[in-house]
């Protein structure tokens, strides 16, 4: 049944253009700003990859440029997501634009002065990666604020189009500018993109989110980790992403070395290859909705993974620039089809209160796989050869795609809108001051003995929700004198955390709780709230 749910999600979908979210002005302008920023990032990274081939020739150093860009995202995505869920997301994005602009100026100034070295290039690339780490989860979370839920998948796909337009345009711009005006001028293009993004963010009339019982940084991180640990649909999406990205990272890591050493091209040729990768991705993004509706998500992801592996295999065995161009373009189309499906899957299983943190956890593993893969393929290429590394990826990536088929993606919960499952909690009495005391909640049910097996199965499902949303301990007891009475209990580390539980409920949670309470005989279950006093 899981396979069918994942594979047939194309039924009953109304034909809607992927451009539909652009009708919303705020989304359209922020999408343009994000696309401009991505173009600038690709100009910077393509320039850095080529500059590194002159500073420290060899595939390991070239691959380390990719690793230095991805490592901060791996390390900082979760803190960035926590911050994005507890502060004003617009102000956070403005601060990041200023940081990235300053890093871009440092790239340009040091290069123009002839002071750039391989370690310094890696250090600045790491600093730029810090800005990327702080941007990704917040931007992904903001998308859901800008379009209705019915257009969220299209908005994510359109975001993928923007990212891949930047992959097509950015490297090509870098190749031309580096060849004609030098690397320092190319870095200034990156700076101008952040200036445009800053202007759009200053215009954006976002209403600040008012949160009752706002979370602190440490508790926000713990809540995000707890949610991910207790949420199997997100975990399954993460595993599928790692199976693909560990091997798919090879093109981003080794394409500069392939262009220079295997194909014998200059910076313009490398830019054209990256442009082919991005152009293929744009084409893939434009047709993937139609493919998904006709064949389903799972077949599309499997086919995309296999096509990507085949494209890498062809690249390993050719010295023809035209064949390499075609192989890279096909791989780009497959890349965006798979990644958009995976990102959509992660978005679809996260409620708003934890969306930035949940996506940050997803991104942590995403870029962890990209970073680890980049280093691994660089080492293999250094000790054996570029073609050997590419052939290993092609074979292993094919095997990973087939393994992924055994772990179907979640179909996505369409009932994640906020809907508190409980009545408002009582106020703390004056004699019990402070919201930092440990809280204990009990719920007393009266359930006929013959119906208890079915009831307890539902109660176990509810326990997952309790733990996921804040409970640190949970249990259920039966009264041995009156076996119809069952007491559910759970603890939260503080009374304040229990108050947050009331805000984290979704429509799906409320329905599950209603199913559980339907077994109770005689009115409503008795709920008691206790706080620790000694």
Protein backbone atom coordinates (compact mmCIF):
# COMPACT_ATOMS: atom_id res chain seq x y z
CA UNK A 1 0.00 0.00 0.00
CA UNK A 2 2.89 2.38 0.77
CA UNK A 3 4.25 1.82 -2.71
CA UNK A 4 0.92 2.62 -4.26
CA UNK A 5 0.52 5.80 -2.20
CA UNK A 6 3.95 7.02 -3.20
CA UNK A 7 3.65 6.05 -6.85
CA UNK A 8 0.12 7.14 -7.74
CA UNK A 9 0.01 10.61 -6.25
CA UNK A 10 -0.52 11.96 -9.77
CA UNK A 11 -4.20 11.01 -9.82
CA UNK A 12 -6.78 13.70 -9.35
CA UNK A 13 -4.30 16.55 -9.78
CA UNK A 14 -5.62 19.56 -11.66
CA UNK A 15 -3.44 20.71 -14.54
CA UNK A 16 -1.83 23.90 -13.25
CA UNK A 17 1.12 25.74 -14.77
CA UNK A 18 4.37 25.65 -12.84
CA UNK A 19 4.38 29.46 -13.24
CA UNK A 20 1.14 29.90 -11.26
CA UNK A 21 2.83 30.99 -7.99
CA UNK A 22 4.30 34.02 -9.80
CA UNK A 23 0.84 35.58 -9.64
CA UNK A 24 1.60 36.39 -6.01
CA UNK A 25 3.66 39.58 -6.05
CA UNK A 26 5.69 38.96 -2.91
CA UNK A 27 6.62 35.46 -4.05
CA UNK A 28 7.52 36.71 -7.55
CA UNK A 29 9.88 39.42 -6.29
CA UNK A 30 11.49 37.22 -3.65
CA UNK A 31 11.86 34.45 -6.22
CA UNK A 32 13.66 36.91 -8.53
CA UNK A 33 15.90 38.00 -5.64
CA UNK A 34 16.66 34.38 -4.73
CA UNK A 35 17.41 33.55 -8.36
CA UNK A 36 19.72 36.57 -8.65
CA UNK A 37 21.48 35.49 -5.46
CA UNK A 38 21.90 31.97 -6.81
CA UNK A 39 23.30 33.33 -10.07
CA UNK A 40 25.81 35.34 -8.06
CA UNK A 41 26.67 32.27 -5.97
CA UNK A 42 27.31 30.18 -9.06
CA UNK A 43 29.41 32.93 -10.62
CA UNK A 44 31.45 33.01 -7.41
CA UNK A 45 31.78 29.23 -7.04
CA UNK A 46 32.56 28.62 -10.70
CA UNK A 47 35.17 31.37 -10.56
CA UNK A 48 36.67 29.91 -7.38
CA UNK A 49 36.79 26.42 -8.86
CA UNK A 50 38.73 27.69 -11.82
CA UNK A 51 41.00 29.94 -9.77
CA UNK A 52 41.88 26.95 -7.60
CA UNK A 53 43.08 24.98 -10.63
CA UNK A 54 45.75 27.67 -11.04
CA UNK A 55 46.61 28.07 -7.35
CA UNK A 56 46.91 24.36 -6.50
CA UNK A 57 46.42 22.01 -9.47
CA UNK A 58 45.05 18.56 -8.69
CA UNK A 59 41.60 17.06 -8.17
CA UNK A 60 41.78 17.03 -4.35
CA UNK A 61 42.13 20.82 -4.01
CA UNK A 62 39.49 21.38 -6.67
CA UNK A 63 37.11 19.05 -4.82
CA UNK A 64 37.92 20.84 -1.55
CA UNK A 65 36.39 24.02 -2.97
CA UNK A 66 33.06 22.18 -3.20
CA UNK A 67 33.59 20.66 0.26
CA UNK A 68 34.41 24.06 1.81
CA UNK A 69 31.20 25.50 0.37
CA UNK A 70 29.07 22.60 1.62
CA UNK A 71 30.63 21.96 5.05
CA UNK A 72 29.15 25.07 6.77
CA UNK A 73 25.71 24.10 5.51
CA UNK A 74 26.20 20.67 7.05
CA UNK A 75 27.35 22.17 10.36
CA UNK A 76 25.04 25.18 10.64
CA UNK A 77 21.74 24.23 9.00
CA UNK A 78 20.11 23.16 12.26
CA UNK A 79 21.13 26.29 14.23
CA UNK A 80 19.98 28.37 11.23
CA UNK A 81 16.64 26.58 11.18
CA UNK A 82 16.17 27.09 14.93
CA UNK A 83 16.93 30.80 14.57
CA UNK A 84 14.57 30.99 11.59
CA UNK A 85 11.72 29.55 13.66
CA UNK A 86 12.17 31.91 16.62
CA UNK A 87 13.20 35.27 15.08
CA UNK A 88 11.81 37.48 12.33
CA UNK A 89 12.75 35.63 9.14
CA UNK A 90 12.87 38.82 7.06
CA UNK A 91 15.41 40.48 9.37
CA UNK A 92 17.49 37.33 9.42
CA UNK A 93 17.60 37.20 5.61
CA UNK A 94 18.61 40.89 5.47
CA UNK A 95 21.54 40.23 7.81
CA UNK A 96 22.67 37.30 5.68
CA UNK A 97 22.61 39.42 2.50
CA UNK A 98 24.92 41.94 4.16
CA UNK A 99 27.31 39.16 5.25
CA UNK A 100 27.46 37.59 1.78
CA UNK A 101 28.03 40.97 0.15
CA UNK A 102 31.00 41.59 2.45
CA UNK A 103 32.47 38.15 1.66
CA UNK A 104 32.08 38.83 -2.07
CA UNK A 105 33.97 42.12 -1.71
CA UNK A 106 36.78 40.26 0.07
CA UNK A 107 36.98 37.73 -2.78
CA UNK A 108 37.21 40.50 -5.36
CA UNK A 109 39.65 42.72 -3.47
CA UNK A 110 42.14 39.98 -2.60
CA UNK A 111 42.07 38.57 -6.12
CA UNK A 112 42.58 41.98 -7.71
CA UNK A 113 45.51 42.65 -5.37
CA UNK A 114 47.14 39.32 -6.27
CA UNK A 115 46.98 38.19 -2.63
CA UNK A 116 44.73 35.16 -3.10
CA UNK A 117 46.17 31.77 -2.03
CA UNK A 118 44.68 28.28 -1.94
CA UNK A 119 44.10 28.28 1.87
CA UNK A 120 42.65 31.79 1.74
CA UNK A 121 40.34 30.82 -1.12
CA UNK A 122 39.09 27.83 0.90
CA UNK A 123 38.59 30.03 3.98
CA UNK A 124 36.53 32.61 2.07
CA UNK A 125 34.56 29.83 0.41
CA UNK A 126 33.78 28.50 3.89
CA UNK A 127 32.62 31.99 4.95
CA UNK A 128 30.34 32.19 1.93
CA UNK A 129 29.03 28.74 2.87
CA UNK A 130 28.10 30.12 6.29
CA UNK A 131 25.83 32.62 4.56
CA UNK A 132 24.35 29.87 2.42
CA UNK A 133 23.73 27.77 5.54
CA UNK A 134 21.81 30.60 7.19
CA UNK A 135 19.74 31.25 4.06
CA UNK A 136 18.51 27.85 2.86
CA UNK A 137 16.19 26.68 5.66
CA UNK A 138 14.71 30.14 6.18
CA UNK A 139 13.98 30.70 2.49
CA UNK A 140 12.42 27.25 2.16
CA UNK A 141 10.23 27.94 5.20
CA UNK A 142 9.23 31.39 3.87
CA UNK A 143 7.86 29.89 0.63
CA UNK A 144 4.87 28.48 2.52
CA UNK A 145 4.02 32.03 3.70
CA UNK A 146 3.91 33.41 0.17
CA UNK A 147 1.61 30.97 -1.65
CA UNK A 148 -1.48 28.94 -0.70
CA UNK A 149 -0.88 25.30 0.30
CA UNK A 150 -2.48 24.14 -2.97
CA UNK A 151 0.38 25.83 -4.88
CA UNK A 152 3.20 24.87 -2.51
CA UNK A 153 4.51 22.00 -4.63
CA UNK A 154 4.47 24.26 -7.71
CA UNK A 155 6.29 26.99 -5.78
CA UNK A 156 8.96 24.50 -4.72
CA UNK A 157 9.30 23.31 -8.31
CA UNK A 158 9.54 26.93 -9.48
CA UNK A 159 12.19 27.53 -6.85
CA UNK A 160 14.04 24.60 -8.40
CA UNK A 161 13.68 26.26 -11.80
CA UNK A 162 15.24 29.42 -10.39
CA UNK A 163 18.11 27.50 -8.84
CA UNK A 164 18.79 25.70 -12.07
CA UNK A 165 18.41 28.78 -14.26
CA UNK A 166 21.18 30.15 -12.07
CA UNK A 167 23.22 26.99 -12.70
CA UNK A 168 22.79 27.55 -16.43
CA UNK A 169 23.45 31.30 -16.43
CA UNK A 170 25.90 31.78 -13.57
CA UNK A 171 28.74 29.51 -14.73
CA UNK A 172 28.41 30.75 -18.30
CA UNK A 173 28.72 34.35 -17.06
CA UNK A 174 31.69 33.33 -14.92
CA UNK A 175 33.44 31.69 -17.86
CA UNK A 176 33.01 34.73 -20.10
CA UNK A 177 33.90 37.32 -17.44
CA UNK A 178 36.93 35.40 -16.12
CA UNK A 179 38.23 34.95 -19.67
CA UNK A 180 37.70 38.62 -20.64
CA UNK A 181 37.85 40.75 -17.47
CA UNK A 182 39.41 38.51 -14.83
CA UNK A 183 38.26 36.71 -11.69
CA UNK A 184 38.04 39.89 -9.57
CA UNK A 185 35.36 41.30 -11.88
CA UNK A 186 33.43 38.04 -11.77
CA UNK A 187 33.30 38.21 -7.96
CA UNK A 188 31.76 41.70 -8.16
CA UNK A 189 28.79 40.21 -10.03
CA UNK A 190 28.13 38.14 -6.91
CA UNK A 191 28.14 41.30 -4.79
CA UNK A 192 25.63 43.07 -7.07
CA UNK A 193 23.21 40.15 -6.75
CA UNK A 194 23.13 40.54 -2.96
CA UNK A 195 22.52 44.27 -3.29
CA UNK A 196 19.41 43.49 -5.35
CA UNK A 197 18.28 40.87 -2.82
CA UNK A 198 18.73 43.36 0.01
CA UNK A 199 16.52 45.90 -1.79
CA UNK A 200 13.72 43.36 -2.26
CA UNK A 201 13.86 42.25 1.37
CA UNK A 202 13.68 45.86 2.55
CA UNK A 203 10.55 46.29 0.39
CA UNK A 204 8.83 43.05 1.48
CA UNK A 205 5.87 44.04 3.70
CA UNK A 206 5.97 40.91 5.87
CA UNK A 207 3.93 41.04 9.03
CA UNK A 208 6.02 39.94 12.02
CA UNK A 209 4.92 36.64 13.52
CA UNK A 210 3.66 36.98 17.08
CA UNK A 211 4.34 33.79 19.04
CA UNK A 212 2.93 33.06 22.47
CA UNK A 213 5.50 31.38 24.70
CA UNK A 214 8.39 31.95 22.23
CA UNK A 215 11.19 29.41 22.28
CA UNK A 216 14.79 30.03 23.18
CA UNK A 217 17.65 28.96 20.97
CA UNK A 218 18.67 25.84 22.91
CA UNK A 219 15.14 24.55 23.43
CA UNK A 220 14.30 25.32 19.79
CA UNK A 221 17.19 23.13 18.59
CA UNK A 222 16.15 20.33 20.96
CA UNK A 223 12.57 20.57 19.73
CA UNK A 224 13.69 20.36 16.10
CA UNK A 225 15.91 17.34 16.74
CA UNK A 226 13.16 15.66 18.76
CA UNK A 227 10.65 16.20 15.99
CA UNK A 228 12.98 14.74 13.37
CA UNK A 229 13.83 11.78 15.61
CA UNK A 230 10.13 11.03 16.19
CA UNK A 231 8.89 11.64 12.65
CA UNK A 232 9.47 8.62 10.36
CA UNK A 233 8.22 10.32 7.14
CA UNK A 234 10.97 12.95 7.40
CA UNK A 235 13.54 10.29 8.25
CA UNK A 236 12.63 8.26 5.17
CA UNK A 237 12.96 11.32 2.95
CA UNK A 238 16.40 12.05 4.44
CA UNK A 239 17.61 8.50 3.79
CA UNK A 240 16.46 8.67 0.17
CA UNK A 241 18.25 12.00 -0.28
CA UNK A 242 21.53 10.65 1.08
CA UNK A 243 21.34 7.59 -1.18
CA UNK A 244 21.16 9.90 -4.18
CA UNK A 245 23.34 12.84 -3.15
CA UNK A 246 26.40 10.92 -1.95
CA UNK A 247 26.97 9.85 -5.54
CA UNK A 248 25.37 12.81 -7.34
CA UNK A 249 27.89 15.15 -5.68
CA UNK A 250 30.58 13.92 -8.07
CA UNK A 251 29.76 16.34 -10.91
CA UNK A 252 29.81 19.41 -8.65
CA UNK A 253 33.11 18.26 -7.14
CA UNK A 254 35.05 17.08 -10.18
CA UNK A 255 33.64 18.93 -13.18
CA UNK A 256 36.41 21.60 -13.08
CA UNK A 257 39.04 18.85 -13.20
CA UNK A 258 37.13 17.00 -15.95
CA UNK A 259 36.98 20.19 -18.04
CA UNK A 260 40.66 21.01 -17.58
CA UNK A 261 42.37 17.60 -17.53
CA UNK A 262 40.07 15.19 -19.38
CA UNK A 263 38.56 17.49 -22.00
CA UNK A 264 41.39 20.04 -22.23
CA UNK A 265 39.17 23.15 -22.11
CA UNK A 266 39.72 26.56 -20.55
CA UNK A 267 37.46 28.53 -18.19
CA UNK A 268 34.95 29.25 -20.96
CA UNK A 269 34.58 25.52 -21.67
CA UNK A 270 34.11 24.79 -17.98
CA UNK A 271 31.45 27.50 -17.81
CA UNK A 272 29.69 25.97 -20.82
CA UNK A 273 29.65 22.55 -19.14
CA UNK A 274 28.18 23.99 -15.96
CA UNK A 275 25.71 25.88 -18.12
CA UNK A 276 24.73 22.60 -19.78
CA UNK A 277 24.16 21.07 -16.36
CA UNK A 278 21.93 23.99 -15.38
CA UNK A 279 20.11 24.15 -18.73
CA UNK A 280 19.31 20.46 -18.51
CA UNK A 281 18.02 21.04 -14.99
CA UNK A 282 15.75 23.86 -16.19
CA UNK A 283 14.28 21.61 -18.88
CA UNK A 284 13.80 18.86 -16.31
CA UNK A 285 12.00 21.23 -13.94
CA UNK A 286 9.62 22.39 -16.68
CA UNK A 287 8.53 18.87 -17.66
CA UNK A 288 8.75 17.04 -14.33
CA UNK A 289 5.22 18.00 -13.22
CA UNK A 290 3.79 16.36 -16.33
CA UNK A 291 5.99 13.30 -15.86
CA UNK A 292 5.04 13.00 -12.20
CA UNK A 293 1.32 13.24 -12.94
CA UNK A 294 1.56 10.54 -15.60
CA UNK A 295 3.87 8.04 -13.93
CA UNK A 296 3.97 8.99 -10.23
CA UNK A 297 6.69 10.27 -7.93
CA UNK A 298 8.46 6.98 -7.19
CA UNK A 299 8.98 5.92 -10.83
CA UNK A 300 10.19 9.44 -11.64
CA UNK A 301 12.74 9.40 -8.81
CA UNK A 302 13.99 5.92 -9.78
CA UNK A 303 14.27 6.84 -13.45
CA UNK A 304 15.99 10.14 -12.63
CA UNK A 305 18.55 8.42 -10.38
CA UNK A 306 19.34 5.81 -13.04
CA UNK A 307 19.62 8.43 -15.80
CA UNK A 308 21.98 10.52 -13.66
CA UNK A 309 24.20 7.49 -13.02
CA UNK A 310 24.21 6.72 -16.77
CA UNK A 311 25.19 10.30 -17.61
CA UNK A 312 28.15 10.10 -15.21
CA UNK A 313 29.17 6.79 -16.81
CA UNK A 314 29.16 8.32 -20.29
CA UNK A 315 31.21 11.29 -19.03
CA UNK A 316 33.79 8.86 -17.60
CA UNK A 317 34.44 7.27 -21.00
CA UNK A 318 34.63 10.27 -23.32
CA UNK A 319 37.13 12.94 -24.28
CA UNK A 320 34.69 14.57 -26.71
CA UNK A 321 33.41 17.94 -25.55
CA UNK A 322 30.10 17.53 -27.43
CA UNK A 323 29.39 14.11 -25.89
CA UNK A 324 30.36 15.45 -22.46
CA UNK A 325 28.04 18.43 -22.99
CA UNK A 326 25.12 16.12 -23.80
CA UNK A 327 25.86 13.76 -20.88
CA UNK A 328 26.05 16.65 -18.41
CA UNK A 329 22.82 18.21 -19.73
CA UNK A 330 20.92 14.92 -19.35
CA UNK A 331 22.34 14.49 -15.85
CA UNK A 332 21.15 18.01 -14.99
CA UNK A 333 17.58 17.18 -16.01
CA UNK A 334 17.67 14.03 -13.89
CA UNK A 335 19.19 15.94 -10.97
CA UNK A 336 16.38 18.47 -10.68
CA UNK A 337 13.65 15.86 -11.09
CA UNK A 338 14.99 13.81 -8.19
CA UNK A 339 15.90 16.72 -5.91
CA UNK A 340 12.61 18.56 -6.38
CA UNK A 341 10.66 15.40 -5.54
CA UNK A 342 12.75 14.88 -2.40
CA UNK A 343 12.47 18.49 -1.25
CA UNK A 344 8.72 18.50 -1.91
CA UNK A 345 8.47 15.35 0.18
CA UNK A 346 10.27 17.02 3.09
CA UNK A 347 8.09 20.15 2.85
CA UNK A 348 4.90 18.09 2.72
CA UNK A 349 5.45 16.34 6.06
CA UNK A 350 6.38 19.40 8.17
CA UNK A 351 3.95 21.74 9.98
CA UNK A 352 4.72 25.45 10.04
CA UNK A 353 5.93 25.67 13.67
CA UNK A 354 8.91 23.41 12.95
CA UNK A 355 9.29 23.80 9.19
CA UNK A 356 12.57 25.75 9.19
CA UNK A 357 14.12 23.35 11.71
CA UNK A 358 12.83 20.24 9.96
CA UNK A 359 14.16 21.48 6.63
CA UNK A 360 17.41 22.36 8.38
CA UNK A 361 17.76 18.77 9.57
CA UNK A 362 17.04 17.63 6.02
CA UNK A 363 19.62 20.09 4.68
CA UNK A 364 22.18 18.99 7.25
CA UNK A 365 22.11 15.46 5.89
CA UNK A 366 21.77 16.79 2.33
CA UNK A 367 24.98 18.79 2.50
CA UNK A 368 26.67 16.19 4.68
CA UNK A 369 26.21 13.73 1.83
CA UNK A 370 27.41 16.34 -0.68
CA UNK A 371 30.48 17.20 1.42
CA UNK A 372 31.44 13.60 2.16
CA UNK A 373 30.87 12.54 -1.42
CA UNK A 374 32.92 15.44 -2.79
CA UNK A 375 35.90 14.54 -0.61
CA UNK A 376 35.59 10.83 -1.34
CA UNK A 377 35.46 11.23 -5.13
CA UNK A 378 38.31 13.75 -5.04
CA UNK A 379 40.52 11.29 -3.14
CA UNK A 380 39.66 8.44 -5.52
CA UNK A 381 40.37 10.64 -8.54
CA UNK A 382 43.70 11.74 -7.02
CA UNK A 383 44.91 8.19 -6.27
CA UNK A 384 43.55 6.48 -9.36
CA UNK A 385 42.04 8.67 -12.08
CA UNK A 386 39.09 10.90 -12.93
CA UNK A 387 37.53 8.23 -15.13
CA UNK A 388 37.85 5.64 -12.35
CA UNK A 389 36.07 7.91 -9.86
CA UNK A 390 33.27 8.61 -12.36
CA UNK A 391 32.83 4.92 -13.21
CA UNK A 392 32.65 3.98 -9.51
CA UNK A 393 29.96 6.61 -9.01
CA UNK A 394 28.00 5.38 -12.02
CA UNK A 395 27.95 1.78 -10.77
CA UNK A 396 27.36 2.56 -7.10
CA UNK A 397 24.74 5.22 -7.91
CA UNK A 398 22.78 2.66 -9.92
CA UNK A 399 22.81 0.27 -6.95
CA UNK A 400 21.75 3.08 -4.59
CA UNK A 401 18.79 3.94 -6.84
CA UNK A 402 17.54 0.36 -6.70
CA UNK A 403 17.94 0.26 -2.91
CA UNK A 404 16.00 3.53 -2.65
CA UNK A 405 13.10 1.94 -4.50
CA UNK A 406 12.63 -0.31 -1.45
CA UNK A 407 12.14 2.77 0.80
CA UNK A 408 9.11 4.58 -0.70
CA UNK A 409 8.79 8.30 -0.13
CA UNK A 410 5.89 9.44 2.08
CA UNK A 411 2.84 10.55 0.13
CA UNK A 412 2.66 13.71 2.27
CA UNK A 413 0.16 14.74 4.93
CA UNK A 414 -2.37 17.24 3.62
CA UNK A 415 -3.66 18.06 7.14
CA UNK A 416 -0.77 19.93 8.72
CA UNK A 417 -2.53 23.25 9.27
CA UNK A 418 -2.50 24.36 12.90
CA UNK A 419 -5.46 22.99 14.86
CA UNK A 420 -4.99 22.67 18.62
CA UNK A 421 -6.08 19.19 19.65
CA UNK A 422 -6.83 20.13 23.26
CA UNK A 423 -8.83 22.69 25.15
CA UNK A 424 -6.80 25.61 26.55
CA UNK A 425 -4.77 24.52 29.59
CA UNK A 426 -5.54 25.89 33.06
CA UNK A 427 -3.58 28.79 34.51
CA UNK A 428 -0.87 28.10 37.05
CA UNK A 429 -2.12 28.95 40.54
CA UNK A 430 -0.37 31.89 42.26
CA UNK A 431 1.12 29.53 44.84
CA UNK A 432 2.98 27.65 42.03
CA UNK A 433 5.04 30.40 40.46
CA UNK A 434 7.25 29.96 37.40
CA UNK A 435 6.83 28.10 34.13
CA UNK A 436 10.11 26.15 34.40
CA UNK A 437 8.69 23.40 36.61
CA UNK A 438 8.37 19.88 35.19
CA UNK A 439 4.80 19.17 34.07
CA UNK A 440 2.80 15.93 34.15
CA UNK A 441 -0.44 15.48 32.22
CA UNK A 442 -2.81 12.55 32.79
CA UNK A 443 -5.80 11.53 30.67
CA UNK A 444 -8.27 9.01 32.12
CA UNK A 445 -10.25 6.85 29.68
CA UNK A 446 -12.98 4.32 30.31
CA UNK A 447 -12.83 1.72 27.54
CA UNK A 448 -14.67 -1.64 27.42
CA UNK A 449 -12.17 -4.48 27.81
CA UNK A 450 -13.11 -6.09 24.50
CA UNK A 451 -12.28 -2.84 22.64
CA UNK A 452 -8.98 -2.18 24.39
CA UNK A 453 -6.62 -3.86 21.86
CA UNK A 454 -7.82 -1.50 19.10
CA UNK A 455 -7.80 1.44 21.51
CA UNK A 456 -4.23 0.75 22.67
CA UNK A 457 -3.01 0.53 19.07
CA UNK A 458 -4.36 4.04 18.45
CA UNK A 459 -2.97 5.24 21.77
CA UNK A 460 0.52 4.12 20.69
CA UNK A 461 0.16 6.28 17.58
CA UNK A 462 -0.89 9.20 19.78
CA UNK A 463 2.17 8.57 21.95
CA UNK A 464 4.37 9.31 18.92
CA UNK A 465 2.66 12.71 18.59
CA UNK A 466 3.06 13.46 22.32
CA UNK A 467 6.80 12.68 22.23
CA UNK A 468 7.34 14.41 18.90
CA UNK A 469 5.75 17.65 20.14
CA UNK A 470 7.42 17.91 23.54
CA UNK A 471 6.91 14.96 25.90
CA UNK A 472 10.08 13.45 27.33
CA UNK A 473 8.30 10.47 28.94
CA UNK A 474 5.00 8.73 28.16
CA UNK A 475 3.12 5.72 29.48
CA UNK A 476 -0.28 4.08 29.93
CA UNK A 477 -1.61 2.15 32.95
CA UNK A 478 -4.73 0.07 33.59
CA UNK A 479 -6.54 0.03 36.92
CA UNK A 480 -6.31 -3.58 38.16
CA UNK A 481 -9.43 -3.12 40.31
CA UNK A 482 -11.43 -1.64 37.46
CA UNK A 483 -9.82 -2.88 34.20
CA UNK A 484 -11.98 -0.59 32.05
CA UNK A 485 -10.05 2.42 33.37
CA UNK A 486 -6.86 3.30 31.48
CA UNK A 487 -4.70 6.27 32.44
CA UNK A 488 -2.41 7.84 29.83
CA UNK A 489 0.34 10.10 31.20
CA UNK A 490 3.19 12.09 29.77
CA UNK A 491 5.80 14.51 31.08
CA UNK A 492 7.29 17.64 29.58
CA UNK A 493 10.53 19.22 30.88
CA UNK A 494 8.68 22.46 31.79
CA UNK A 495 5.13 23.75 32.05
CA UNK A 496 6.08 26.26 29.35
CA UNK A 497 6.94 23.39 26.99
CA UNK A 498 3.51 21.87 27.60
CA UNK A 499 1.90 25.19 26.67
CA UNK A 500 3.81 25.01 23.40
CA UNK A 501 2.38 21.52 22.81
CA UNK A 502 -1.04 23.13 22.64
CA UNK A 503 0.20 25.40 19.85
CA UNK A 504 1.85 22.61 17.84
CA UNK A 505 -1.22 20.51 17.14
CA UNK A 506 -2.33 19.98 13.54
CA UNK A 507 -5.56 18.92 11.89
CA UNK A 508 -4.15 15.40 11.54
CA UNK A 509 -3.26 15.30 15.26
CA UNK A 510 -6.73 16.52 16.24
CA UNK A 511 -8.34 13.80 14.15
CA UNK A 512 -6.16 11.13 15.73
CA UNK A 513 -7.00 12.36 19.21
CA UNK A 514 -10.71 12.37 18.32
CA UNK A 515 -10.40 8.73 17.21
CA UNK A 516 -8.77 7.84 20.52
CA UNK A 517 -11.40 9.68 22.57
CA UNK A 518 -14.20 8.01 20.61
CA UNK A 519 -13.44 4.80 22.54
CA UNK A 520 -14.11 6.53 25.87
CA UNK A 521 -17.48 5.71 27.41
CA UNK A 522 -19.34 8.53 29.15
CA UNK A 523 -18.67 12.14 28.22
CA UNK A 524 -15.10 13.38 27.78
CA UNK A 525 -11.95 11.84 29.27
CA UNK A 526 -10.76 13.50 32.46
CA UNK A 527 -7.57 15.51 31.89
CA UNK A 528 -5.38 16.55 34.83
CA UNK A 529 -2.41 18.93 34.75
CA UNK A 530 0.22 18.67 37.45
CA UNK A 531 3.48 20.51 38.04
CA UNK A 532 6.36 19.37 40.19
CA UNK A 533 6.57 21.19 43.54
CA UNK A 534 9.19 19.10 45.31
